[in-house]
Protein backbone atom coordinates (compact mmCIF):
# COMPACT_ATOMS: atom_id res chain seq x y z
CA MET A 1 74.61 53.37 137.56
CA THR A 2 72.45 55.48 135.27
CA ALA A 3 72.07 58.31 137.79
CA GLN A 4 75.78 58.34 138.51
CA THR A 5 76.59 58.51 134.81
CA GLY A 6 74.19 61.44 134.38
CA MET A 7 75.95 63.32 137.17
CA ASP A 8 79.44 62.61 135.78
CA GLU A 9 78.76 63.92 132.25
CA PRO A 10 78.17 67.61 133.22
CA SER A 11 81.22 67.62 135.48
CA ALA A 12 83.42 66.18 132.71
CA SER A 13 82.17 68.71 130.14
CA ALA A 14 82.73 71.54 132.62
CA ALA A 15 86.28 70.35 133.22
CA CYS A 16 87.01 70.26 129.48
CA ALA A 17 85.42 73.65 128.73
CA PRO A 18 87.84 76.62 128.51
CA ASP A 19 87.86 79.11 131.34
CA ALA A 20 85.58 82.06 130.59
CA PRO A 21 87.09 85.52 131.20
CA SER A 22 85.95 87.27 134.33
CA PRO A 23 83.91 90.49 134.15
CA ALA A 24 86.92 92.47 135.38
CA ALA A 25 89.06 91.05 132.56
CA LEU A 26 86.37 91.90 130.03
CA ARG A 27 86.17 95.49 131.27
CA ALA A 28 89.95 95.84 131.14
CA GLN A 29 89.99 94.51 127.57
CA GLN A 30 87.25 96.94 126.54
CA GLN A 31 89.15 99.85 128.10
CA ARG A 32 92.32 98.91 126.20
CA THR A 33 90.36 98.71 122.97
CA VAL A 34 88.85 102.16 123.55
CA TRP A 35 92.28 103.61 124.29
CA TRP A 36 93.79 102.15 121.13
CA LEU A 37 90.86 103.43 119.06
CA PHE A 38 90.71 107.01 120.31
CA ALA A 39 94.15 107.87 121.72
CA PRO A 40 96.06 107.89 118.37
CA PRO A 41 93.61 110.22 116.53
CA ALA A 42 93.39 112.39 119.66
CA LEU A 43 97.17 112.75 119.52
CA LEU A 44 96.96 113.74 115.85
CA VAL A 45 94.25 116.34 116.47
CA GLY A 46 96.07 117.71 119.51
CA LEU A 47 99.34 118.10 117.61
CA ARG A 48 97.55 119.89 114.79
CA TRP A 49 95.95 122.29 117.25
CA VAL A 50 99.27 122.99 118.97
CA LEU A 51 101.06 123.66 115.67
CA GLN A 52 98.26 125.95 114.49
CA TRP A 53 98.31 127.81 117.82
CA GLN A 54 102.06 128.22 117.57
CA SER A 55 101.82 129.56 114.02
CA ASP A 56 99.12 132.06 115.00
CA ARG A 57 101.07 133.13 118.08
CA ALA A 58 104.22 133.95 116.13
CA PRO A 59 103.12 135.36 112.73
CA GLN A 60 105.76 135.39 110.03
CA LEU A 61 106.07 136.35 106.38
CA PRO A 62 103.74 134.47 104.03
CA VAL A 63 105.13 131.11 102.95
CA LEU A 64 103.15 130.08 99.86
CA PRO A 65 104.00 126.77 98.16
CA LEU A 66 104.97 126.69 94.50
CA THR A 67 103.63 123.68 92.63
CA PRO A 68 104.06 122.56 89.00
CA PHE A 69 101.27 123.75 86.74
CA VAL A 70 99.07 121.12 85.04
CA ALA A 71 97.69 122.56 81.80
CA THR A 72 94.81 120.12 81.26
CA GLN A 73 92.54 118.40 83.75
CA ASP A 74 91.71 114.91 82.54
CA VAL A 75 88.37 113.66 83.85
CA TRP A 76 89.66 110.11 84.13
CA GLY A 77 92.72 111.41 85.91
CA LEU A 78 90.44 113.00 88.50
CA LEU A 79 88.27 109.89 88.85
CA TRP A 80 91.07 107.35 89.12
CA PRO A 81 91.88 108.16 92.79
CA VAL A 82 88.21 107.70 93.69
CA LEU A 83 88.02 104.39 91.81
CA TRP A 84 91.23 103.13 93.41
CA THR A 85 89.88 104.09 96.84
CA LEU A 86 86.64 102.17 96.24
CA LEU A 87 88.54 99.13 94.95
CA ALA A 88 90.87 99.20 97.96
CA LEU A 89 87.89 99.46 100.31
CA CYS A 90 86.11 96.52 98.67
CA ALA A 91 89.29 94.45 98.73
CA SER A 92 89.82 95.26 102.41
CA VAL A 93 86.28 94.20 103.34
CA ALA A 94 86.55 90.98 101.34
CA GLY A 95 89.97 90.18 102.77
CA THR A 96 88.75 90.85 106.31
CA LEU A 97 85.78 88.50 105.90
CA LEU A 98 87.93 85.72 104.45
CA ALA A 99 90.59 86.11 107.12
CA ALA A 100 88.00 86.17 109.90
CA ARG A 101 86.37 83.00 108.55
CA ARG A 102 89.72 81.23 108.56
CA TRP A 103 91.48 82.54 111.68
CA GLY A 104 88.69 84.19 113.67
CA TRP A 105 87.77 87.77 114.43
CA ARG A 106 90.18 88.31 117.32
CA PRO A 107 93.49 88.08 115.37
CA VAL A 108 91.97 89.99 112.46
CA GLY A 109 90.86 92.73 114.84
CA ARG A 110 94.38 92.93 116.25
CA VAL A 111 95.82 93.37 112.77
CA TRP A 112 93.35 96.14 111.98
CA MET A 113 94.19 97.82 115.29
CA VAL A 114 97.89 97.79 114.42
CA LEU A 115 97.14 99.27 110.99
CA TRP A 116 94.93 101.94 112.58
CA VAL A 117 97.65 102.99 115.03
CA ALA A 118 100.27 102.96 112.26
CA ALA A 119 98.10 105.21 110.07
CA CYS A 120 97.61 107.71 112.91
CA VAL A 121 101.33 107.72 113.71
CA ALA A 122 102.14 108.27 110.02
CA GLY A 123 99.67 111.16 109.85
CA THR A 124 101.21 112.72 112.96
CA ALA A 125 104.72 112.40 111.52
CA ALA A 126 103.61 113.91 108.19
CA LEU A 127 101.97 116.85 109.97
CA LEU A 128 105.08 117.54 112.01
CA TRP A 129 107.33 117.16 108.94
CA ARG A 130 105.27 119.68 106.96
CA HIS A 131 105.32 122.17 109.83
CA LEU A 132 109.08 121.94 110.25
CA ASN A 133 109.62 122.13 106.49
CA VAL A 134 107.70 125.43 106.27
CA ARG A 135 109.09 126.95 109.46
CA GLY A 136 112.67 126.23 108.41
CA VAL A 137 112.65 127.74 104.90
CA GLN A 138 115.99 128.95 103.53
CA PRO A 139 115.73 132.33 101.71
CA LEU A 140 117.13 132.57 98.18
CA ALA A 141 118.08 135.50 95.99
CA PRO A 142 115.08 137.32 94.44
CA VAL A 143 114.00 136.07 91.03
CA GLN A 144 112.01 137.50 88.13
CA ALA A 145 108.73 135.91 87.09
CA GLN A 146 106.05 136.54 84.48
CA VAL A 147 102.32 136.01 84.89
CA LEU A 148 100.87 133.74 82.21
CA GLY A 149 97.37 133.38 83.59
CA SER A 150 95.24 133.73 86.70
CA ARG A 151 91.89 132.80 88.17
CA ILE A 152 89.98 133.70 91.31
CA LEU A 153 89.34 130.98 93.87
CA ALA A 154 86.58 131.53 96.42
CA PRO A 155 87.23 130.75 100.10
CA SER A 156 86.30 127.21 101.12
CA ALA A 157 86.94 124.66 103.83
CA ARG A 158 90.27 123.82 102.17
CA GLY A 159 91.69 127.36 102.26
CA PRO A 160 91.07 131.10 102.42
CA GLY A 161 90.91 131.48 98.64
CA GLY A 162 92.65 134.16 96.60
CA THR A 163 94.19 134.46 93.14
CA GLN A 164 95.84 131.44 91.60
CA LEU A 165 98.67 132.57 89.33
CA VAL A 166 100.46 130.64 86.62
CA LEU A 167 104.05 131.85 86.51
CA ARG A 168 107.09 131.46 84.31
CA ILE A 169 110.05 131.78 86.68
CA ASP A 170 113.42 132.51 85.11
CA THR A 171 115.40 129.90 87.06
CA LEU A 172 112.80 127.09 86.95
CA GLU A 173 112.10 125.15 83.79
CA PRO A 174 108.48 123.96 84.33
CA LEU A 175 105.67 126.44 84.76
CA GLN A 176 104.64 127.00 88.36
CA GLN A 177 101.44 128.01 90.10
CA VAL A 178 100.89 129.73 93.42
CA LEU A 179 97.82 130.89 95.36
CA ILE A 180 98.19 134.48 96.64
CA ASP A 181 95.68 135.98 99.07
CA ASP A 182 96.24 139.58 97.95
CA PRO A 183 93.54 141.78 96.35
CA GLN A 184 96.18 143.38 94.12
CA ALA A 185 96.97 140.01 92.53
CA ALA A 186 93.47 139.87 91.02
CA GLN A 187 94.39 142.87 88.82
CA TRP A 188 97.48 141.29 87.29
CA ARG A 189 97.10 140.26 83.67
CA PRO A 190 99.15 137.93 81.45
CA GLY A 191 102.50 139.55 80.77
CA GLN A 192 102.79 141.18 84.19
CA ARG A 193 106.35 141.02 85.51
CA LEU A 194 106.94 140.24 89.18
CA ALA A 195 109.93 140.34 91.47
CA LEU A 196 109.54 137.31 93.73
CA GLN A 197 111.14 136.68 97.06
CA TRP A 198 111.28 132.96 97.46
CA ALA A 199 112.87 130.23 99.55
CA ARG A 200 113.60 126.53 99.66
CA GLY A 201 111.93 124.38 102.29
CA ARG A 202 114.01 122.91 105.06
CA TYR A 203 113.62 119.47 103.51
CA SER A 204 112.05 119.99 100.08
CA GLY A 205 109.88 122.26 97.94
CA TRP A 206 109.85 125.90 96.85
CA PHE A 207 107.91 128.69 98.53
CA VAL A 208 107.05 132.30 97.71
CA THR A 209 107.65 134.66 100.63
CA GLY A 210 107.06 138.03 98.93
CA TRP A 211 106.29 139.74 95.65
CA GLN A 212 106.42 143.12 93.98
CA ALA A 213 104.76 143.96 90.68
CA ALA A 214 106.45 146.01 87.97
CA ALA A 215 105.01 149.40 87.04
CA SER A 216 103.44 148.13 83.82
CA PRO A 217 103.02 144.65 82.30
CA THR A 218 105.09 143.57 79.37
CA THR A 219 103.84 141.70 76.34
CA SER A 220 104.39 137.99 76.60
CA PRO A 221 106.20 136.41 73.66
C-alpha cells in the first residue's frame, strides 16, 4: 500500500500541473516580441530617411518657421520639463512594480508593448504631418518687417546654425523670431527693414520663404 501510494502521488501532481509551452512555442513568442520591439521604431526611422531623401532630391525655396519670441529665459521654466520627465519616469517604474506584483509580469509587459507601439505610431504620424505641413505651404503677400535684435548660433546636432533674428512684422501682433542661414543676415543691425516673403503652412504655422534687406537701416522707435 505504501509503495503504491508513493507511485500515485507524482502522477497526480503531474496531472494537475499546467502544460509547459513547447520549445517551438517559446521561440515563436520570442520572435513576436522582437518584432514588436524593433519593427515600429524601424518604420519611424525608415520614414524619416525617405522624407529626407525626398526633400534633398527635390530642393525648393527655404521654408523657415516663424515662432513667437520669448524675451526672458526663466531657469525654472527650463528645468521644469526635466523634473516632470524624472517624476514621470519614477512613477512609471513604481507603477510597473506594483502592477507586476499584483497581476504578474506578462500582462504588464503586454501593456507596455501596446504603449511602445502607440508611441512609435504617434511619432511616425507627427513626422509625416510636419513634412506635409511644410511641403504644402500657401504663399501670402509680401510683408514688411523690422529687425529688433539678432544673435549668431553655431552649427550643432540640432541644426545647421545661422543668425537668429527677432522681428516685428507689420501684420502680426507678437514679436517673432526666425533662424536664417545666410551670411548677410549676420550684418543686419536693430532697425534694419526687411521685405519678407512668407507663407502659411498647409495645416498651421507661419514660414519665411524669402527676404530682401532695405538699402539702409532705419532707426527703431
